[in-house]
Every structure is written in C-alpha cells, then in structure tokens.
C-alpha cells in the first residue's frame, strides 16, 4: 500500500473475551462470529502491519435479543449464554492509514498508532 493509503473494512468485532463454546453457539446465528477478532487484537494486528490512526467505529452492537428466536430454535439455552454474549459482538467500520515508509518501527511515529 502506498504511503498515505487508507485501509477500510466493515467487519464483525468482539468486545472483550467470549468463551469458545459461546462462539460456537453463536456460529449458528452468524457464521462470521466464530472467527471475529477481539477489538484490541484487531488494533494490534493493524499496528503490527504499520498502520496508524487506527479506528474501530461501531455501527451496530448486537444484543442477545437479536438472536433469541434463532438460537432457541437451534436448541441453545439462550438465557445461559446471555451474560457472555449480550453486547459483546458488533458490526463496525475499521480504518487505518499507512504512514510514510520511513515510519514503521515500534518506536516511530511519535506514538500515533491507535
């Protein structure tokens, strides 16, 4: 990517940690949830790829009610997983900018990452 180039995607992001068993239950609801990156992991991976001005802008935060009917029909105990799921998954815009090519070291960019 050219210096000054911008990275932008819309993706599902996890807020905080979610147990693997919960992710697998949620996989029944939305296939991309099982592989969704945790918010800080997303930031770290972009920073490791030398992006700066990294931003994660939620466009929708999902509640357990968004999936209650589907999960219940799939035999999942929704109330049991609700505390571990409610508000933890979100759709978001993820953005970052490629800096000047001489500015990619961990001690570089004056702390402009994130």
C-alpha atoms as a PDB file:
ATOM      1  CA  UNK A   1       0.000   0.000   0.000  1.00  0.00           C
ATOM      2  CA  UNK A   2       1.262   3.484  -0.810  1.00  0.00           C
ATOM      3  CA  UNK A   3       2.203   5.893   1.999  1.00  0.00           C
ATOM      4  CA  UNK A   4      -0.945   7.733   2.965  1.00  0.00           C
ATOM      5  CA  UNK A   5      -3.098   4.876   1.648  1.00  0.00           C
ATOM      6  CA  UNK A   6      -6.129   4.050   3.750  1.00  0.00           C
ATOM      7  CA  UNK A   7      -7.459   0.680   4.885  1.00  0.00           C
ATOM      8  CA  UNK A   8     -11.210   0.459   5.495  1.00  0.00           C
ATOM      9  CA  UNK A   9     -13.481  -2.550   6.010  1.00  0.00           C
ATOM     10  CA  UNK A  10     -16.757  -3.375   7.626  1.00  0.00           C
ATOM     11  CA  UNK A  11     -16.474  -6.430   9.865  1.00  0.00           C
ATOM     12  CA  UNK A  12     -17.827  -8.157  12.952  1.00  0.00           C
ATOM     13  CA  UNK A  13     -15.707  -7.356  16.018  1.00  0.00           C
ATOM     14  CA  UNK A  14     -15.791  -8.799  19.538  1.00  0.00           C
ATOM     15  CA  UNK A  15     -15.780  -6.511  22.559  1.00  0.00           C
ATOM     16  CA  UNK A  16     -13.859  -8.303  25.292  1.00  0.00           C
ATOM     17  CA  UNK A  17     -13.404 -12.032  25.526  1.00  0.00           C
ATOM     18  CA  UNK A  18     -16.044 -14.604  24.731  1.00  0.00           C
ATOM     19  CA  UNK A  19     -15.591 -18.303  25.614  1.00  0.00           C
ATOM     20  CA  UNK A  20     -15.063 -20.632  22.632  1.00  0.00           C
ATOM     21  CA  UNK A  21     -18.181 -22.624  23.500  1.00  0.00           C
ATOM     22  CA  UNK A  22     -20.239 -19.438  23.282  1.00  0.00           C
ATOM     23  CA  UNK A  23     -18.621 -18.555  19.953  1.00  0.00           C
ATOM     24  CA  UNK A  24     -19.601 -21.968  18.600  1.00  0.00           C
ATOM     25  CA  UNK A  25     -23.203 -21.498  19.778  1.00  0.00           C
ATOM     26  CA  UNK A  26     -23.265 -18.074  18.178  1.00  0.00           C
ATOM     27  CA  UNK A  27     -21.876 -19.587  14.982  1.00  0.00           C
ATOM     28  CA  UNK A  28     -25.354 -20.975  14.452  1.00  0.00           C
ATOM     29  CA  UNK A  29     -26.599 -17.391  14.329  1.00  0.00           C
ATOM     30  CA  UNK A  30     -23.980 -15.640  12.235  1.00  0.00           C
ATOM     31  CA  UNK A  31     -21.190 -17.603  10.563  1.00  0.00           C
ATOM     32  CA  UNK A  32     -18.610 -14.829  10.836  1.00  0.00           C
ATOM     33  CA  UNK A  33     -18.839 -14.556  14.638  1.00  0.00           C
ATOM     34  CA  UNK A  34     -16.734 -17.654  15.321  1.00  0.00           C
ATOM     35  CA  UNK A  35     -13.735 -16.067  13.613  1.00  0.00           C
ATOM     36  CA  UNK A  36     -14.341 -12.468  14.705  1.00  0.00           C
ATOM     37  CA  UNK A  37     -11.304 -10.704  16.144  1.00  0.00           C
ATOM     38  CA  UNK A  38     -11.427  -9.105  19.560  1.00  0.00           C
ATOM     39  CA  UNK A  39     -11.295  -5.308  19.317  1.00  0.00           C
ATOM     40  CA  UNK A  40      -7.808  -4.912  20.833  1.00  0.00           C
ATOM     41  CA  UNK A  41      -6.466  -7.826  18.759  1.00  0.00           C
ATOM     42  CA  UNK A  42      -7.721  -6.074  15.615  1.00  0.00           C
ATOM     43  CA  UNK A  43      -5.906  -2.887  16.645  1.00  0.00           C
ATOM     44  CA  UNK A  44      -2.708  -4.803  17.458  1.00  0.00           C
ATOM     45  CA  UNK A  45      -2.676  -6.613  14.114  1.00  0.00           C
ATOM     46  CA  UNK A  46      -3.169  -3.388  12.186  1.00  0.00           C
ATOM     47  CA  UNK A  47      -0.444  -1.666  14.222  1.00  0.00           C
ATOM     48  CA  UNK A  48       1.890  -4.622  13.573  1.00  0.00           C
ATOM     49  CA  UNK A  49       1.228  -4.094   9.851  1.00  0.00           C
ATOM     50  CA  UNK A  50       2.400  -0.489  10.348  1.00  0.00           C
ATOM     51  CA  UNK A  51      -0.972   1.241  10.176  1.00  0.00           C
ATOM     52  CA  UNK A  52      -1.564   4.407  12.203  1.00  0.00           C
ATOM     53  CA  UNK A  53      -4.699   6.360  13.078  1.00  0.00           C
ATOM     54  CA  UNK A  54      -6.479   3.057  13.657  1.00  0.00           C
ATOM     55  CA  UNK A  55     -10.158   3.422  14.394  1.00  0.00           C
ATOM     56  CA  UNK A  56     -12.965   0.996  15.151  1.00  0.00           C
ATOM     57  CA  UNK A  57     -16.364   2.639  14.792  1.00  0.00           C
ATOM     58  CA  UNK A  58     -19.347   0.518  15.904  1.00  0.00           C
ATOM     59  CA  UNK A  59     -22.267   0.605  13.505  1.00  0.00           C
ATOM     60  CA  UNK A  60     -24.411  -1.856  15.454  1.00  0.00           C
ATOM     61  CA  UNK A  61     -23.945  -3.593  18.791  1.00  0.00           C
ATOM     62  CA  UNK A  62     -25.843  -6.881  18.958  1.00  0.00           C
ATOM     63  CA  UNK A  63     -27.954  -7.851  21.940  1.00  0.00           C
ATOM     64  CA  UNK A  64     -28.939 -11.377  22.877  1.00  0.00           C
ATOM     65  CA  UNK A  65     -32.469 -10.471  21.830  1.00  0.00           C
ATOM     66  CA  UNK A  66     -31.247 -10.121  18.238  1.00  0.00           C
ATOM     67  CA  UNK A  67     -30.579 -13.871  18.213  1.00  0.00           C
ATOM     68  CA  UNK A  68     -33.011 -15.226  20.817  1.00  0.00           C
ATOM     69  CA  UNK A  69     -35.539 -16.835  18.473  1.00  0.00           C
ATOM     70  CA  UNK A  70     -32.969 -18.389  16.147  1.00  0.00           C
ATOM     71  CA  UNK A  71     -30.817 -19.750  18.959  1.00  0.00           C
ATOM     72  CA  UNK A  72     -33.821 -21.114  20.848  1.00  0.00           C
ATOM     73  CA  UNK A  73     -34.998 -22.938  17.716  1.00  0.00           C
ATOM     74  CA  UNK A  74     -31.473 -24.361  17.358  1.00  0.00           C
ATOM     75  CA  UNK A  75     -31.683 -25.790  20.892  1.00  0.00           C
ATOM     76  CA  UNK A  76     -29.316 -23.299  22.529  1.00  0.00           C
ATOM     77  CA  UNK A  77     -30.038 -22.247  26.130  1.00  0.00           C
ATOM     78  CA  UNK A  78     -30.126 -18.533  25.366  1.00  0.00           C
ATOM     79  CA  UNK A  79     -30.520 -17.412  28.973  1.00  0.00           C
ATOM     80  CA  UNK A  80     -27.443 -19.412  29.969  1.00  0.00           C
ATOM     81  CA  UNK A  81     -25.197 -17.735  27.399  1.00  0.00           C
ATOM     82  CA  UNK A  82     -26.789 -14.271  27.559  1.00  0.00           C
ATOM     83  CA  UNK A  83     -24.363 -12.780  30.133  1.00  0.00           C
ATOM     84  CA  UNK A  84     -21.394 -13.847  27.982  1.00  0.00           C
ATOM     85  CA  UNK A  85     -22.859 -12.597  24.690  1.00  0.00           C
ATOM     86  CA  UNK A  86     -25.119  -9.601  25.231  1.00  0.00           C
ATOM     87  CA  UNK A  87     -23.439  -6.510  23.771  1.00  0.00           C
ATOM     88  CA  UNK A  88     -20.162  -8.335  23.028  1.00  0.00           C
ATOM     89  CA  UNK A  89     -20.497  -8.538  19.237  1.00  0.00           C
ATOM     90  CA  UNK A  90     -20.702  -5.539  16.960  1.00  0.00           C
ATOM     91  CA  UNK A  91     -20.592  -4.599  13.322  1.00  0.00           C
ATOM     92  CA  UNK A  92     -18.013  -1.888  12.840  1.00  0.00           C
ATOM     93  CA  UNK A  93     -16.038   0.137  10.352  1.00  0.00           C
ATOM     94  CA  UNK A  94     -12.320  -0.498  10.830  1.00  0.00           C
ATOM     95  CA  UNK A  95      -9.910   2.075   9.439  1.00  0.00           C
ATOM     96  CA  UNK A  96      -6.200   2.785   9.368  1.00  0.00           C
ATOM     97  CA  UNK A  97      -3.655   4.767   7.373  1.00  0.00           C
ATOM     98  CA  UNK A  98      -0.259   3.727   6.026  1.00  0.00           C
ATOM     99  CA  UNK A  99       2.345   6.263   7.163  1.00  0.00           C
ATOM    100  CA  UNK A 100       5.466   7.462   5.422  1.00  0.00           C
ATOM    101  CA  UNK A 101       7.573   4.364   4.614  1.00  0.00           C
ATOM    102  CA  UNK A 102      10.329   5.524   6.963  1.00  0.00           C
ATOM    103  CA  UNK A 103       7.834   5.476   9.838  1.00  0.00           C
ATOM    104  CA  UNK A 104       7.114   1.844  10.596  1.00  0.00           C
ATOM    105  CA  UNK A 105       9.214   0.893  13.603  1.00  0.00           C
ATOM    106  CA  UNK A 106       7.758   0.295  17.045  1.00  0.00           C
ATOM    107  CA  UNK A 107       9.464   3.448  18.334  1.00  0.00           C
ATOM    108  CA  UNK A 108       8.360   5.513  15.361  1.00  0.00           C
ATOM    109  CA  UNK A 109       5.506   7.864  14.505  1.00  0.00           C
ATOM    110  CA  UNK A 110       5.527   9.608  17.868  1.00  0.00           C
ATOM    111  CA  UNK A 111       3.035   7.171  19.347  1.00  0.00           C
ATOM    112  CA  UNK A 112       0.491   7.980  16.617  1.00  0.00           C
ATOM    113  CA  UNK A 113      -0.775   4.408  16.459  1.00  0.00           C
ATOM    114  CA  UNK A 114      -4.308   3.616  17.560  1.00  0.00           C
END
